[in-house]
Full PDB file with SEQRES, HELIX, SHEET, SSBOND, CRYST1, ORIGX, SCALE, CONECT and MASTER records, all heavy atoms in Angstrom:
SEQRES   1 A   31  ILE GLY PRO GLY VAL ARG ILE GLY ARG ASN SER VAL ILE          
SEQRES   2 A   31  GLY ALA GLY SER VAL VAL THR LYS ASP ILE PRO ALA ASN          
SEQRES   3 A   31  VAL VAL ALA VAL GLY                                          
SHEET    1 AA1 2 VAL A  12  ILE A  13  0                                        
SHEET    2 AA1 2 VAL A  28  ALA A  29  1                                        
CRYST1    1.000    1.000    1.000  90.00  90.00  90.00 P 1           1          
ORIGX1      1.000000  0.000000  0.000000        0.00000                         
ORIGX2      0.000000  1.000000  0.000000        0.00000                         
ORIGX3      0.000000  0.000000  1.000000        0.00000                         
SCALE1      1.000000  0.000000  0.000000        0.00000                         
SCALE2      0.000000  1.000000  0.000000        0.00000                         
SCALE3      0.000000  0.000000  1.000000        0.00000                         
ATOM      1  N   ILE A   1       0.856  -1.181   0.000  1.00  0.00           N  
ATOM      2  CA  ILE A   1       0.000   0.000   0.000  1.00  0.00           C  
ATOM      3  C   ILE A   1       0.893   1.232   0.000  1.00  0.00           C  
ATOM      4  O   ILE A   1       1.696   1.430   0.912  1.00  0.00           O  
ATOM      5  CB  ILE A   1      -0.932   0.007   1.227  1.00  0.00           C  
ATOM      6  CG1 ILE A   1      -1.812  -1.248   1.209  1.00  0.00           C  
ATOM      7  CG2 ILE A   1      -1.793   1.268   1.246  1.00  0.00           C  
ATOM      8  CD1 ILE A   1      -2.626  -1.437   2.472  1.00  0.00           C  
ATOM      9  N   GLY A   2       0.770   2.051  -1.040  1.00  0.00           N  
ATOM     10  CA  GLY A   2       1.668   3.170  -1.235  1.00  0.00           C  
ATOM     11  C   GLY A   2       1.236   4.441  -0.532  1.00  0.00           C  
ATOM     12  O   GLY A   2       0.146   4.525   0.064  1.00  0.00           O  
ATOM     13  N   PRO A   3       2.080   5.473  -0.600  1.00  0.00           N  
ATOM     14  CA  PRO A   3       1.827   6.736   0.092  1.00  0.00           C  
ATOM     15  C   PRO A   3       0.543   7.418  -0.390  1.00  0.00           C  
ATOM     16  O   PRO A   3       0.225   7.410  -1.583  1.00  0.00           O  
ATOM     17  CB  PRO A   3       3.048   7.594  -0.264  1.00  0.00           C  
ATOM     18  CG  PRO A   3       4.101   6.621  -0.678  1.00  0.00           C  
ATOM     19  CD  PRO A   3       3.376   5.481  -1.304  1.00  0.00           C  
ATOM     20  N   GLY A   4      -0.187   8.017   0.559  1.00  0.00           N  
ATOM     21  CA  GLY A   4      -1.342   8.825   0.233  1.00  0.00           C  
ATOM     22  C   GLY A   4      -2.615   8.076  -0.069  1.00  0.00           C  
ATOM     23  O   GLY A   4      -3.622   8.681  -0.456  1.00  0.00           O  
ATOM     24  N   VAL A   5      -2.634   6.761   0.132  1.00  0.00           N  
ATOM     25  CA  VAL A   5      -3.774   5.930  -0.248  1.00  0.00           C  
ATOM     26  C   VAL A   5      -4.809   5.867   0.875  1.00  0.00           C  
ATOM     27  O   VAL A   5      -4.461   5.802   2.050  1.00  0.00           O  
ATOM     28  CB  VAL A   5      -3.296   4.505  -0.616  1.00  0.00           C  
ATOM     29  CG1 VAL A   5      -4.447   3.507  -0.625  1.00  0.00           C  
ATOM     30  CG2 VAL A   5      -2.595   4.522  -1.960  1.00  0.00           C  
ATOM     31  N   ARG A   6      -6.075   5.863   0.488  1.00  0.00           N  
ATOM     32  CA  ARG A   6      -7.191   5.593   1.399  1.00  0.00           C  
ATOM     33  C   ARG A   6      -7.968   4.393   0.857  1.00  0.00           C  
ATOM     34  O   ARG A   6      -8.362   4.394  -0.316  1.00  0.00           O  
ATOM     35  CB  ARG A   6      -8.123   6.799   1.519  1.00  0.00           C  
ATOM     36  CG  ARG A   6      -9.374   6.529   2.370  1.00  0.00           C  
ATOM     37  CD  ARG A   6     -10.282   7.744   2.430  1.00  0.00           C  
ATOM     38  NE  ARG A   6      -9.702   8.807   3.221  1.00  0.00           N  
ATOM     39  CZ  ARG A   6      -9.885   8.980   4.533  1.00  0.00           C  
ATOM     40  NH1 ARG A   6     -10.680   8.142   5.203  1.00  0.00           N  
ATOM     41  NH2 ARG A   6      -9.310   9.965   5.184  1.00  0.00           N  
ATOM     42  N   ILE A   7      -8.194   3.397   1.710  1.00  0.00           N  
ATOM     43  CA  ILE A   7      -8.992   2.222   1.331  1.00  0.00           C  
ATOM     44  C   ILE A   7     -10.316   2.317   2.064  1.00  0.00           C  
ATOM     45  O   ILE A   7     -10.357   2.387   3.294  1.00  0.00           O  
ATOM     46  CB  ILE A   7      -8.256   0.921   1.665  1.00  0.00           C  
ATOM     47  CG1 ILE A   7      -6.927   0.863   0.892  1.00  0.00           C  
ATOM     48  CG2 ILE A   7      -9.123  -0.288   1.324  1.00  0.00           C  
ATOM     49  CD1 ILE A   7      -6.071  -0.333   1.239  1.00  0.00           C  
ATOM     50  N   GLY A   8     -11.415   2.325   1.305  1.00  0.00           N  
ATOM     51  CA  GLY A   8     -12.728   2.588   1.865  1.00  0.00           C  
ATOM     52  C   GLY A   8     -13.293   1.452   2.686  1.00  0.00           C  
ATOM     53  O   GLY A   8     -12.901   0.280   2.565  1.00  0.00           O  
ATOM     54  N   ARG A   9     -14.242   1.791   3.498  1.00  0.00           N  
ATOM     55  CA  ARG A   9     -14.881   0.908   4.460  1.00  0.00           C  
ATOM     56  C   ARG A   9     -15.341  -0.406   3.824  1.00  0.00           C  
ATOM     57  O   ARG A   9     -15.949  -0.419   2.755  1.00  0.00           O  
ATOM     58  CB  ARG A   9     -16.076   1.647   5.059  1.00  0.00           C  
ATOM     59  CG  ARG A   9     -16.828   0.938   6.164  1.00  0.00           C  
ATOM     60  CD  ARG A   9     -18.010   1.794   6.603  1.00  0.00           C  
ATOM     61  NE  ARG A   9     -18.760   1.165   7.674  1.00  0.00           N  
ATOM     62  CZ  ARG A   9     -18.569   1.391   8.969  1.00  0.00           C  
ATOM     63  NH1 ARG A   9     -17.639   2.256   9.342  1.00  0.00           N  
ATOM     64  NH2 ARG A   9     -19.284   0.789   9.893  1.00  0.00           N  
ATOM     65  N   ASN A  10     -15.010  -1.513   4.486  1.00  0.00           N  
ATOM     66  CA  ASN A  10     -15.469  -2.870   4.146  1.00  0.00           C  
ATOM     67  C   ASN A  10     -14.871  -3.445   2.867  1.00  0.00           C  
ATOM     68  O   ASN A  10     -15.219  -4.567   2.479  1.00  0.00           O  
ATOM     69  CB  ASN A  10     -17.000  -2.927   4.037  1.00  0.00           C  
ATOM     70  CG  ASN A  10     -17.694  -2.588   5.332  1.00  0.00           C  
ATOM     71  OD1 ASN A  10     -17.175  -2.884   6.413  1.00  0.00           O  
ATOM     72  ND2 ASN A  10     -18.851  -1.953   5.244  1.00  0.00           N  
ATOM     73  N   SER A  11     -13.989  -2.744   2.210  1.00  0.00           N  
ATOM     74  CA  SER A  11     -13.448  -3.256   0.952  1.00  0.00           C  
ATOM     75  C   SER A  11     -12.437  -4.374   1.192  1.00  0.00           C  
ATOM     76  O   SER A  11     -11.876  -4.522   2.276  1.00  0.00           O  
ATOM     77  CB  SER A  11     -12.814  -2.129   0.140  1.00  0.00           C  
ATOM     78  OG  SER A  11     -13.819  -1.332  -0.446  1.00  0.00           O  
ATOM     79  N   VAL A  12     -12.239  -5.174   0.149  1.00  0.00           N  
ATOM     80  CA  VAL A  12     -11.329  -6.314   0.183  1.00  0.00           C  
ATOM     81  C   VAL A  12     -10.255  -6.100  -0.878  1.00  0.00           C  
ATOM     82  O   VAL A  12     -10.574  -5.846  -2.046  1.00  0.00           O  
ATOM     83  CB  VAL A  12     -12.081  -7.632  -0.089  1.00  0.00           C  
ATOM     84  CG1 VAL A  12     -11.109  -8.807  -0.161  1.00  0.00           C  
ATOM     85  CG2 VAL A  12     -13.140  -7.875   0.982  1.00  0.00           C  
ATOM     86  N   ILE A  13      -8.983  -6.217  -0.463  1.00  0.00           N  
ATOM     87  CA  ILE A  13      -7.853  -6.079  -1.379  1.00  0.00           C  
ATOM     88  C   ILE A  13      -7.237  -7.459  -1.582  1.00  0.00           C  
ATOM     89  O   ILE A  13      -6.786  -8.099  -0.631  1.00  0.00           O  
ATOM     90  CB  ILE A  13      -6.799  -5.109  -0.813  1.00  0.00           C  
ATOM     91  CG1 ILE A  13      -7.429  -3.766  -0.445  1.00  0.00           C  
ATOM     92  CG2 ILE A  13      -5.664  -4.938  -1.823  1.00  0.00           C  
ATOM     93  CD1 ILE A  13      -8.078  -3.029  -1.589  1.00  0.00           C  
ATOM     94  N   GLY A  14      -7.247  -7.925  -2.827  1.00  0.00           N  
ATOM     95  CA  GLY A  14      -6.752  -9.265  -3.128  1.00  0.00           C  
ATOM     96  C   GLY A  14      -5.262  -9.406  -2.886  1.00  0.00           C  
ATOM     97  O   GLY A  14      -4.486  -8.442  -2.976  1.00  0.00           O  
ATOM     98  N   ALA A  15      -4.859 -10.625  -2.572  1.00  0.00           N  
ATOM     99  CA  ALA A  15      -3.463 -10.914  -2.250  1.00  0.00           C  
ATOM    100  C   ALA A  15      -2.537 -10.495  -3.387  1.00  0.00           C  
ATOM    101  O   ALA A  15      -2.847 -10.669  -4.562  1.00  0.00           O  
ATOM    102  CB  ALA A  15      -3.298 -12.406  -1.966  1.00  0.00           C  
ATOM    103  N   GLY A  16      -1.390  -9.935  -3.017  1.00  0.00           N  
ATOM    104  CA  GLY A  16      -0.379  -9.553  -3.989  1.00  0.00           C  
ATOM    105  C   GLY A  16      -0.630  -8.236  -4.688  1.00  0.00           C  
ATOM    106  O   GLY A  16       0.119  -7.872  -5.603  1.00  0.00           O  
ATOM    107  N   SER A  17      -1.633  -7.497  -4.262  1.00  0.00           N  
ATOM    108  CA  SER A  17      -1.962  -6.241  -4.928  1.00  0.00           C  
ATOM    109  C   SER A  17      -0.937  -5.150  -4.595  1.00  0.00           C  
ATOM    110  O   SER A  17      -0.288  -5.171  -3.544  1.00  0.00           O  
ATOM    111  CB  SER A  17      -3.352  -5.757  -4.512  1.00  0.00           C  
ATOM    112  OG  SER A  17      -4.350  -6.634  -4.983  1.00  0.00           O  
ATOM    113  N   VAL A  18      -0.837  -4.176  -5.515  1.00  0.00           N  
ATOM    114  CA  VAL A  18      -0.038  -2.975  -5.297  1.00  0.00           C  
ATOM    115  C   VAL A  18      -0.999  -1.799  -5.393  1.00  0.00           C  
ATOM    116  O   VAL A  18      -1.495  -1.474  -6.465  1.00  0.00           O  
ATOM    117  CB  VAL A  18       1.093  -2.849  -6.333  1.00  0.00           C  
ATOM    118  CG1 VAL A  18       1.874  -1.553  -6.109  1.00  0.00           C  
ATOM    119  CG2 VAL A  18       2.027  -4.053  -6.246  1.00  0.00           C  
ATOM    120  N   VAL A  19      -1.291  -1.200  -4.232  1.00  0.00           N  
ATOM    121  CA  VAL A  19      -2.331  -0.175  -4.155  1.00  0.00           C  
ATOM    122  C   VAL A  19      -1.665   1.193  -4.214  1.00  0.00           C  
ATOM    123  O   VAL A  19      -0.982   1.608  -3.274  1.00  0.00           O  
ATOM    124  CB  VAL A  19      -3.155  -0.314  -2.859  1.00  0.00           C  
ATOM    125  CG1 VAL A  19      -4.350   0.627  -2.893  1.00  0.00           C  
ATOM    126  CG2 VAL A  19      -3.607  -1.758  -2.653  1.00  0.00           C  
ATOM    127  N   THR A  20      -1.872   1.907  -5.319  1.00  0.00           N  
ATOM    128  CA  THR A  20      -1.243   3.210  -5.520  1.00  0.00           C  
ATOM    129  C   THR A  20      -2.253   4.344  -5.563  1.00  0.00           C  
ATOM    130  O   THR A  20      -1.856   5.509  -5.537  1.00  0.00           O  
ATOM    131  CB  THR A  20      -0.439   3.223  -6.831  1.00  0.00           C  
ATOM    132  OG1 THR A  20      -1.319   2.939  -7.933  1.00  0.00           O  
ATOM    133  CG2 THR A  20       0.672   2.179  -6.805  1.00  0.00           C  
ATOM    134  N   LYS A  21      -3.549   4.011  -5.631  1.00  0.00           N  
ATOM    135  CA  LYS A  21      -4.607   5.026  -5.660  1.00  0.00           C  
ATOM    136  C   LYS A  21      -5.713   4.620  -4.692  1.00  0.00           C  
ATOM    137  O   LYS A  21      -5.814   3.451  -4.304  1.00  0.00           O  
ATOM    138  CB  LYS A  21      -5.174   5.186  -7.075  1.00  0.00           C  
ATOM    139  CG  LYS A  21      -4.152   5.681  -8.101  1.00  0.00           C  
ATOM    140  CD  LYS A  21      -4.786   5.906  -9.451  1.00  0.00           C  
ATOM    141  CE  LYS A  21      -3.732   6.332 -10.484  1.00  0.00           C  
ATOM    142  NZ  LYS A  21      -3.044   7.574 -10.106  1.00  0.00           N  
ATOM    143  N   ASP A  22      -6.554   5.585  -4.332  1.00  0.00           N  
ATOM    144  CA  ASP A  22      -7.650   5.314  -3.406  1.00  0.00           C  
ATOM    145  C   ASP A  22      -8.566   4.218  -3.928  1.00  0.00           C  
ATOM    146  O   ASP A  22      -8.814   4.113  -5.139  1.00  0.00           O  
ATOM    147  CB  ASP A  22      -8.484   6.580  -3.194  1.00  0.00           C  
ATOM    148  CG  ASP A  22      -7.751   7.645  -2.393  1.00  0.00           C  
ATOM    149  OD1 ASP A  22      -6.633   7.377  -1.920  1.00  0.00           O  
ATOM    150  OD2 ASP A  22      -8.311   8.748  -2.255  1.00  0.00           O  
ATOM    151  N   ILE A  23      -9.083   3.415  -2.998  1.00  0.00           N  
ATOM    152  CA  ILE A  23     -10.058   2.368  -3.300  1.00  0.00           C  
ATOM    153  C   ILE A  23     -11.358   2.745  -2.592  1.00  0.00           C  
ATOM    154  O   ILE A  23     -11.349   3.021  -1.392  1.00  0.00           O  
ATOM    155  CB  ILE A  23      -9.560   0.987  -2.819  1.00  0.00           C  
ATOM    156  CG1 ILE A  23      -8.226   0.626  -3.498  1.00  0.00           C  
ATOM    157  CG2 ILE A  23     -10.613  -0.079  -3.081  1.00  0.00           C  
ATOM    158  CD1 ILE A  23      -8.285   0.457  -4.991  1.00  0.00           C  
ATOM    159  N   PRO A  24     -12.488   2.750  -3.300  1.00  0.00           N  
ATOM    160  CA  PRO A  24     -13.750   3.142  -2.655  1.00  0.00           C  
ATOM    161  C   PRO A  24     -14.239   2.088  -1.672  1.00  0.00           C  
ATOM    162  O   PRO A  24     -13.699   0.981  -1.591  1.00  0.00           O  
ATOM    163  CB  PRO A  24     -14.712   3.295  -3.832  1.00  0.00           C  
ATOM    164  CG  PRO A  24     -14.143   2.426  -4.901  1.00  0.00           C  
ATOM    165  CD  PRO A  24     -12.657   2.467  -4.729  1.00  0.00           C  
ATOM    166  N   ALA A  25     -15.283   2.417  -0.957  1.00  0.00           N  
ATOM    167  CA  ALA A  25     -15.867   1.507   0.027  1.00  0.00           C  
ATOM    168  C   ALA A  25     -16.631   0.379  -0.654  1.00  0.00           C  
ATOM    169  O   ALA A  25     -17.132   0.523  -1.774  1.00  0.00           O  
ATOM    170  CB  ALA A  25     -16.800   2.274   0.958  1.00  0.00           C  
ATOM    171  N   ASN A  26     -16.697  -0.767   0.026  1.00  0.00           N  
ATOM    172  CA  ASN A  26     -17.584  -1.876  -0.351  1.00  0.00           C  
ATOM    173  C   ASN A  26     -17.304  -2.437  -1.742  1.00  0.00           C  
ATOM    174  O   ASN A  26     -18.216  -2.672  -2.534  1.00  0.00           O  
ATOM    175  CB  ASN A  26     -19.050  -1.436  -0.246  1.00  0.00           C  
ATOM    176  CG  ASN A  26     -19.428  -1.044   1.159  1.00  0.00           C  
ATOM    177  OD1 ASN A  26     -19.340  -1.836   2.089  1.00  0.00           O  
ATOM    178  ND2 ASN A  26     -19.820   0.217   1.331  1.00  0.00           N  
ATOM    179  N   VAL A  27     -16.018  -2.648  -2.047  1.00  0.00           N  
ATOM    180  CA  VAL A  27     -15.642  -3.256  -3.320  1.00  0.00           C  
ATOM    181  C   VAL A  27     -14.573  -4.313  -3.088  1.00  0.00           C  
ATOM    182  O   VAL A  27     -13.902  -4.339  -2.051  1.00  0.00           O  
ATOM    183  CB  VAL A  27     -15.112  -2.218  -4.334  1.00  0.00           C  
ATOM    184  CG1 VAL A  27     -16.177  -1.173  -4.662  1.00  0.00           C  
ATOM    185  CG2 VAL A  27     -13.823  -1.557  -3.836  1.00  0.00           C  
ATOM    186  N   VAL A  28     -14.414  -5.193  -4.066  1.00  0.00           N  
ATOM    187  CA  VAL A  28     -13.271  -6.100  -4.146  1.00  0.00           C  
ATOM    188  C   VAL A  28     -12.328  -5.521  -5.187  1.00  0.00           C  
ATOM    189  O   VAL A  28     -12.738  -5.229  -6.317  1.00  0.00           O  
ATOM    190  CB  VAL A  28     -13.700  -7.524  -4.540  1.00  0.00           C  
ATOM    191  CG1 VAL A  28     -12.475  -8.414  -4.731  1.00  0.00           C  
ATOM    192  CG2 VAL A  28     -14.628  -8.111  -3.485  1.00  0.00           C  
ATOM    193  N   ALA A  29     -11.062  -5.339  -4.824  1.00  0.00           N  
ATOM    194  CA  ALA A  29     -10.063  -4.775  -5.729  1.00  0.00           C  
ATOM    195  C   ALA A  29      -8.817  -5.633  -5.682  1.00  0.00           C  
ATOM    196  O   ALA A  29      -8.455  -6.175  -4.635  1.00  0.00           O  
ATOM    197  CB  ALA A  29      -9.739  -3.334  -5.339  1.00  0.00           C  
ATOM    198  N   VAL A  30      -8.149  -5.756  -6.823  1.00  0.00           N  
ATOM    199  CA  VAL A  30      -6.985  -6.638  -6.893  1.00  0.00           C  
ATOM    200  C   VAL A  30      -6.104  -6.198  -8.053  1.00  0.00           C  
ATOM    201  O   VAL A  30      -6.572  -5.570  -9.008  1.00  0.00           O  
ATOM    202  CB  VAL A  30      -7.435  -8.113  -7.074  1.00  0.00           C  
ATOM    203  CG1 VAL A  30      -8.133  -8.326  -8.400  1.00  0.00           C  
ATOM    204  CG2 VAL A  30      -6.265  -9.078  -6.913  1.00  0.00           C  
ATOM    205  N   GLY A  31      -4.817  -6.520  -7.973  1.00  0.00           N  
ATOM    206  CA  GLY A  31      -3.935  -6.353  -9.119  1.00  0.00           C  
ATOM    207  C   GLY A  31      -2.792  -5.393  -8.882  1.00  0.00           C  
ATOM    208  O   GLY A  31      -2.651  -4.767  -7.842  1.00  0.00           O  
TER     209      GLY A  31                                                      
MASTER        0    0    0    0    2    0    0    6  208    1    0    3          
END                                                                             
């Protein structure tokens, strides 16, 4: 998880992901 990122409430981040931008609430995100 990189600098400045916000991950929204209840969301799921898949294994091995590189999070460089905000992720909204209540989603599955990966990659």
